[in-house]
Amino acid sequence: MTVGKALALVVAAVLLVAGGALALTGMGYLGGGGTSTAWSVLGAALAGLGVALVISIFRGPGR
C-alpha cells in the first residue's frame, strides 16, 4: 500500500466517524443539541463521501 492510499484511508475513516457522529447527534441518539434535520443530512452526506472514497481506493484506476 502506498503512502497516498494510506492517507486516503485515514481521511475516509475520519469522514465516516465524523459523519456518523453528526448524523446520530442530529437524530437525537447522541447527546448534544437535540434533533436537527440539517445535522442528520450533513452527517449522512459526509459518511457517504467516506464510503465512496474507500470504494474508489480499492477499485483502482480505470474501473
PDB file of N, CA and C in Angstrom:
ATOM      1  N   MET A   1       0.853  -1.177   0.000  1.00  0.00           N
ATOM      2  CA  MET A   1       0.000   0.000   0.000  1.00  0.00           C
ATOM      3  C   MET A   1       0.898   1.239   0.000  1.00  0.00           C
ATOM      4  N   THR A   2       0.545   2.172  -0.839  1.00  0.00           N
ATOM      5  CA  THR A   2       1.340   3.385  -0.939  1.00  0.00           C
ATOM      6  C   THR A   2       0.941   4.373   0.156  1.00  0.00           C
ATOM      7  N   VAL A   3       1.769   5.376   0.306  1.00  0.00           N
ATOM      8  CA  VAL A   3       1.505   6.403   1.307  1.00  0.00           C
ATOM      9  C   VAL A   3       0.220   7.154   0.959  1.00  0.00           C
ATOM     10  N   GLY A   4      -0.011   7.397  -0.325  1.00  0.00           N
ATOM     11  CA  GLY A   4      -1.207   8.103  -0.761  1.00  0.00           C
ATOM     12  C   GLY A   4      -2.478   7.341  -0.430  1.00  0.00           C
ATOM     13  N   LYS A   5      -2.457   6.019  -0.638  1.00  0.00           N
ATOM     14  CA  LYS A   5      -3.627   5.204  -0.304  1.00  0.00           C
ATOM     15  C   LYS A   5      -3.856   5.163   1.198  1.00  0.00           C
ATOM     16  N   ALA A   6      -2.784   5.071   1.953  1.00  0.00           N
ATOM     17  CA  ALA A   6      -2.920   5.045   3.409  1.00  0.00           C
ATOM     18  C   ALA A   6      -3.495   6.363   3.923  1.00  0.00           C
ATOM     19  N   LEU A   7      -3.027   7.463   3.371  1.00  0.00           N
ATOM     20  CA  LEU A   7      -3.548   8.765   3.768  1.00  0.00           C
ATOM     21  C   LEU A   7      -5.020   8.905   3.381  1.00  0.00           C
ATOM     22  N   ALA A   8      -5.365   8.430   2.205  1.00  0.00           N
ATOM     23  CA  ALA A   8      -6.761   8.484   1.766  1.00  0.00           C
ATOM     24  C   ALA A   8      -7.649   7.626   2.667  1.00  0.00           C
ATOM     25  N   LEU A   9      -7.158   6.498   3.127  1.00  0.00           N
ATOM     26  CA  LEU A   9      -7.930   5.662   4.049  1.00  0.00           C
ATOM     27  C   LEU A   9      -8.138   6.361   5.388  1.00  0.00           C
ATOM     28  N   VAL A  10      -7.142   7.097   5.854  1.00  0.00           N
ATOM     29  CA  VAL A  10      -7.285   7.850   7.097  1.00  0.00           C
ATOM     30  C   VAL A  10      -8.343   8.939   6.928  1.00  0.00           C
ATOM     31  N   VAL A  11      -8.303   9.634   5.800  1.00  0.00           N
ATOM     32  CA  VAL A  11      -9.302  10.671   5.525  1.00  0.00           C
ATOM     33  C   VAL A  11     -10.694  10.057   5.449  1.00  0.00           C
ATOM     34  N   ALA A  12     -10.810   8.905   4.791  1.00  0.00           N
ATOM     35  CA  ALA A  12     -12.096   8.226   4.684  1.00  0.00           C
ATOM     36  C   ALA A  12     -12.617   7.811   6.056  1.00  0.00           C
ATOM     37  N   ALA A  13     -11.727   7.327   6.907  1.00  0.00           N
ATOM     38  CA  ALA A  13     -12.141   6.929   8.253  1.00  0.00           C
ATOM     39  C   ALA A  13     -12.630   8.136   9.052  1.00  0.00           C
ATOM     40  N   VAL A  14     -11.943   9.255   8.920  1.00  0.00           N
ATOM     41  CA  VAL A  14     -12.366  10.477   9.614  1.00  0.00           C
ATOM     42  C   VAL A  14     -13.740  10.920   9.113  1.00  0.00           C
ATOM     43  N   LEU A  15     -13.946  10.865   7.789  1.00  0.00           N
ATOM     44  CA  LEU A  15     -15.245  11.231   7.226  1.00  0.00           C
ATOM     45  C   LEU A  15     -16.348  10.308   7.737  1.00  0.00           C
ATOM     46  N   LEU A  16     -16.075   9.024   7.806  1.00  0.00           N
ATOM     47  CA  LEU A  16     -17.069   8.071   8.290  1.00  0.00           C
ATOM     48  C   LEU A  16     -17.423   8.304   9.751  1.00  0.00           C
ATOM     49  N   VAL A  17     -16.422   8.484  10.577  1.00  0.00           N
ATOM     50  CA  VAL A  17     -16.673   8.673  12.013  1.00  0.00           C
ATOM     51  C   VAL A  17     -17.363  10.009  12.272  1.00  0.00           C
ATOM     52  N   ALA A  18     -16.853  11.079  11.659  1.00  0.00           N
ATOM     53  CA  ALA A  18     -17.453  12.394  11.862  1.00  0.00           C
ATOM     54  C   ALA A  18     -18.873  12.437  11.304  1.00  0.00           C
ATOM     55  N   GLY A  19     -19.064  11.869  10.119  1.00  0.00           N
ATOM     56  CA  GLY A  19     -20.394  11.843   9.522  1.00  0.00           C
ATOM     57  C   GLY A  19     -21.372  11.031  10.343  1.00  0.00           C
ATOM     58  N   GLY A  20     -20.916   9.899  10.828  1.00  0.00           N
ATOM     59  CA  GLY A  20     -21.783   9.076  11.675  1.00  0.00           C
ATOM     60  C   GLY A  20     -22.149   9.778  12.970  1.00  0.00           C
ATOM     61  N   ALA A  21     -21.185  10.439  13.573  1.00  0.00           N
ATOM     62  CA  ALA A  21     -21.455  11.164  14.816  1.00  0.00           C
ATOM     63  C   ALA A  21     -22.427  12.322  14.580  1.00  0.00           C
ATOM     64  N   LEU A  22     -22.238  13.063  13.489  1.00  0.00           N
ATOM     65  CA  LEU A  22     -23.156  14.160  13.186  1.00  0.00           C
ATOM     66  C   LEU A  22     -24.563  13.644  12.910  1.00  0.00           C
ATOM     67  N   ALA A  23     -24.665  12.576  12.153  1.00  0.00           N
ATOM     68  CA  ALA A  23     -25.980  12.022  11.834  1.00  0.00           C
ATOM     69  C   ALA A  23     -26.681  11.524  13.096  1.00  0.00           C
ATOM     70  N   LEU A  24     -25.961  10.818  13.935  1.00  0.00           N
ATOM     71  CA  LEU A  24     -26.573  10.302  15.165  1.00  0.00           C
ATOM     72  C   LEU A  24     -26.941  11.422  16.124  1.00  0.00           C
ATOM     73  N   THR A  25     -26.137  12.466  16.171  1.00  0.00           N
ATOM     74  CA  THR A  25     -26.471  13.624  17.004  1.00  0.00           C
ATOM     75  C   THR A  25     -27.715  14.320  16.458  1.00  0.00           C
ATOM     76  N   GLY A  26     -27.777  14.478  15.153  1.00  0.00           N
ATOM     77  CA  GLY A  26     -28.934  15.114  14.544  1.00  0.00           C
ATOM     78  C   GLY A  26     -30.215  14.336  14.744  1.00  0.00           C
ATOM     79  N   MET A  27     -30.096  13.019  14.864  1.00  0.00           N
ATOM     80  CA  MET A  27     -31.277  12.180  15.105  1.00  0.00           C
ATOM     81  C   MET A  27     -31.625  12.071  16.575  1.00  0.00           C
ATOM     82  N   GLY A  28     -30.758  12.587  17.443  1.00  0.00           N
ATOM     83  CA  GLY A  28     -31.037  12.584  18.861  1.00  0.00           C
ATOM     84  C   GLY A  28     -30.528  11.369  19.611  1.00  0.00           C
ATOM     85  N   TYR A  29     -29.727  10.518  18.956  1.00  0.00           N
ATOM     86  CA  TYR A  29     -29.213   9.326  19.624  1.00  0.00           C
ATOM     87  C   TYR A  29     -27.976   9.612  20.465  1.00  0.00           C
ATOM     88  N   LEU A  30     -27.208  10.616  20.104  1.00  0.00           N
ATOM     89  CA  LEU A  30     -26.057  11.026  20.904  1.00  0.00           C
ATOM     90  C   LEU A  30     -26.398  12.336  21.602  1.00  0.00           C
ATOM     91  N   GLY A  31     -25.787  12.549  22.746  1.00  0.00           N
ATOM     92  CA  GLY A  31     -26.050  13.781  23.479  1.00  0.00           C
ATOM     93  C   GLY A  31     -25.603  14.996  22.703  1.00  0.00           C
ATOM     94  N   GLY A  32     -26.184  16.106  23.024  1.00  0.00           N
ATOM     95  CA  GLY A  32     -25.806  17.321  22.317  1.00  0.00           C
ATOM     96  C   GLY A  32     -26.981  18.256  22.189  1.00  0.00           C
ATOM     97  N   GLY A  33     -27.116  18.823  21.024  1.00  0.00           N
ATOM     98  CA  GLY A  33     -28.100  19.869  20.806  1.00  0.00           C
ATOM     99  C   GLY A  33     -29.488  19.398  20.426  1.00  0.00           C
ATOM    100  N   GLY A  34     -29.859  18.185  20.694  1.00  0.00           N
ATOM    101  CA  GLY A  34     -31.192  17.724  20.334  1.00  0.00           C
ATOM    102  C   GLY A  34     -31.238  17.247  18.897  1.00  0.00           C
ATOM    103  N   THR A  35     -32.422  17.276  18.310  1.00  0.00           N
ATOM    104  CA  THR A  35     -32.567  16.773  16.946  1.00  0.00           C
ATOM    105  C   THR A  35     -32.509  17.916  15.938  1.00  0.00           C
ATOM    106  N   SER A  36     -31.944  17.614  14.784  1.00  0.00           N
ATOM    107  CA  SER A  36     -31.841  18.608  13.719  1.00  0.00           C
ATOM    108  C   SER A  36     -31.746  17.878  12.392  1.00  0.00           C
ATOM    109  N   THR A  37     -32.656  18.179  11.501  1.00  0.00           N
ATOM    110  CA  THR A  37     -32.636  17.544  10.185  1.00  0.00           C
ATOM    111  C   THR A  37     -31.371  17.919   9.416  1.00  0.00           C
ATOM    112  N   ALA A  38     -30.939  19.164   9.546  1.00  0.00           N
ATOM    113  CA  ALA A  38     -29.746  19.617   8.819  1.00  0.00           C
ATOM    114  C   ALA A  38     -28.515  18.821   9.241  1.00  0.00           C
ATOM    115  N   TRP A  39     -28.333  18.597  10.541  1.00  0.00           N
ATOM    116  CA  TRP A  39     -27.179  17.831  11.017  1.00  0.00           C
ATOM    117  C   TRP A  39     -27.263  16.387  10.543  1.00  0.00           C
ATOM    118  N   SER A  40     -28.460  15.823  10.532  1.00  0.00           N
ATOM    119  CA  SER A  40     -28.622  14.443  10.072  1.00  0.00           C
ATOM    120  C   SER A  40     -28.245  14.307   8.605  1.00  0.00           C
ATOM    121  N   VAL A  41     -28.709  15.233   7.775  1.00  0.00           N
ATOM    122  CA  VAL A  41     -28.412  15.177   6.340  1.00  0.00           C
ATOM    123  C   VAL A  41     -26.930  15.421   6.089  1.00  0.00           C
ATOM    124  N   LEU A  42     -26.348  16.398   6.760  1.00  0.00           N
ATOM    125  CA  LEU A  42     -24.925  16.682   6.593  1.00  0.00           C
ATOM    126  C   LEU A  42     -24.078  15.485   7.031  1.00  0.00           C
ATOM    127  N   GLY A  43     -24.425  14.891   8.152  1.00  0.00           N
ATOM    128  CA  GLY A  43     -23.677  13.728   8.630  1.00  0.00           C
ATOM    129  C   GLY A  43     -23.767  12.554   7.681  1.00  0.00           C
ATOM    130  N   ALA A  44     -24.966  12.295   7.163  1.00  0.00           N
ATOM    131  CA  ALA A  44     -25.128  11.202   6.207  1.00  0.00           C
ATOM    132  C   ALA A  44     -24.335  11.460   4.932  1.00  0.00           C
ATOM    133  N   ALA A  45     -24.303  12.711   4.487  1.00  0.00           N
ATOM    134  CA  ALA A  45     -23.535  13.054   3.290  1.00  0.00           C
ATOM    135  C   ALA A  45     -22.040  12.853   3.515  1.00  0.00           C
ATOM    136  N   LEU A  46     -21.543  13.264   4.665  1.00  0.00           N
ATOM    137  CA  LEU A  46     -20.113  13.067   4.965  1.00  0.00           C
ATOM    138  C   LEU A  46     -19.764  11.587   5.038  1.00  0.00           C
ATOM    139  N   ALA A  47     -20.608  10.814   5.692  1.00  0.00           N
ATOM    140  CA  ALA A  47     -20.365   9.372   5.781  1.00  0.00           C
ATOM    141  C   ALA A  47     -20.415   8.738   4.393  1.00  0.00           C
ATOM    142  N   GLY A  48     -21.321   9.185   3.562  1.00  0.00           N
ATOM    143  CA  GLY A  48     -21.401   8.679   2.190  1.00  0.00           C
ATOM    144  C   GLY A  48     -20.158   9.002   1.387  1.00  0.00           C
ATOM    145  N   LEU A  49     -19.618  10.195   1.577  1.00  0.00           N
ATOM    146  CA  LEU A  49     -18.363  10.546   0.908  1.00  0.00           C
ATOM    147  C   LEU A  49     -17.219   9.651   1.380  1.00  0.00           C
ATOM    148  N   GLY A  50     -17.213   9.330   2.664  1.00  0.00           N
ATOM    149  CA  GLY A  50     -16.186   8.428   3.183  1.00  0.00           C
ATOM    150  C   GLY A  50     -16.287   7.048   2.566  1.00  0.00           C
ATOM    151  N   VAL A  51     -17.503   6.537   2.418  1.00  0.00           N
ATOM    152  CA  VAL A  51     -17.705   5.228   1.792  1.00  0.00           C
ATOM    153  C   VAL A  51     -17.283   5.271   0.328  1.00  0.00           C
ATOM    154  N   ALA A  52     -17.651   6.340  -0.365  1.00  0.00           N
ATOM    155  CA  ALA A  52     -17.272   6.476  -1.774  1.00  0.00           C
ATOM    156  C   ALA A  52     -15.754   6.536  -1.935  1.00  0.00           C
ATOM    157  N   LEU A  53     -15.087   7.195  -1.020  1.00  0.00           N
ATOM    158  CA  LEU A  53     -13.627   7.273  -1.073  1.00  0.00           C
ATOM    159  C   LEU A  53     -13.001   5.902  -0.869  1.00  0.00           C
ATOM    160  N   VAL A  54     -13.509   5.129   0.081  1.00  0.00           N
ATOM    161  CA  VAL A  54     -12.980   3.780   0.309  1.00  0.00           C
ATOM    162  C   VAL A  54     -13.180   2.913  -0.932  1.00  0.00           C
ATOM    163  N   ILE A  55     -14.363   3.002  -1.540  1.00  0.00           N
ATOM    164  CA  ILE A  55     -14.628   2.212  -2.741  1.00  0.00           C
ATOM    165  C   ILE A  55     -13.677   2.609  -3.866  1.00  0.00           C
ATOM    166  N   SER A  56     -13.465   3.913  -4.039  1.00  0.00           N
ATOM    167  CA  SER A  56     -12.582   4.348  -5.114  1.00  0.00           C
ATOM    168  C   SER A  56     -11.132   3.963  -4.866  1.00  0.00           C
ATOM    169  N   ILE A  57     -10.728   3.878  -3.611  1.00  0.00           N
ATOM    170  CA  ILE A  57      -9.357   3.458  -3.300  1.00  0.00           C
ATOM    171  C   ILE A  57      -9.143   2.002  -3.681  1.00  0.00           C
ATOM    172  N   PHE A  58     -10.084   1.139  -3.343  1.00  0.00           N
ATOM    173  CA  PHE A  58      -9.894  -0.279  -3.559  1.00  0.00           C
ATOM    174  C   PHE A  58     -10.243  -0.741  -4.966  1.00  0.00           C
ATOM    175  N   ARG A  59     -11.031   0.028  -5.696  1.00  0.00           N
ATOM    176  CA  ARG A  59     -11.345  -0.362  -7.075  1.00  0.00           C
ATOM    177  C   ARG A  59     -10.199  -0.043  -8.006  1.00  0.00           C
ATOM    178  N   GLY A  60      -9.446   0.989  -7.725  1.00  0.00           N
ATOM    179  CA  GLY A  60      -8.307   1.333  -8.557  1.00  0.00           C
ATOM    180  C   GLY A  60      -8.689   2.145  -9.775  1.00  0.00           C
ATOM    181  N   PRO A  61      -7.702   2.574 -10.530  1.00  0.00           N
ATOM    182  CA  PRO A  61      -7.972   3.399 -11.713  1.00  0.00           C
ATOM    183  C   PRO A  61      -8.526   2.579 -12.872  1.00  0.00           C
ATOM    184  N   GLY A  62      -9.331   3.230 -13.681  1.00  0.00           N
ATOM    185  CA  GLY A  62      -9.820   2.593 -14.893  1.00  0.00           C
ATOM    186  C   GLY A  62     -10.987   1.661 -14.729  1.00  0.00           C
ATOM    187  N   ARG A  63     -11.628   1.661 -13.592  1.00  0.00           N
ATOM    188  CA  ARG A  63     -12.785   0.779 -13.395  1.00  0.00           C
ATOM    189  C   ARG A  63     -14.023   1.573 -13.244  1.00  0.00           C
TER     190      ARG A  63
END
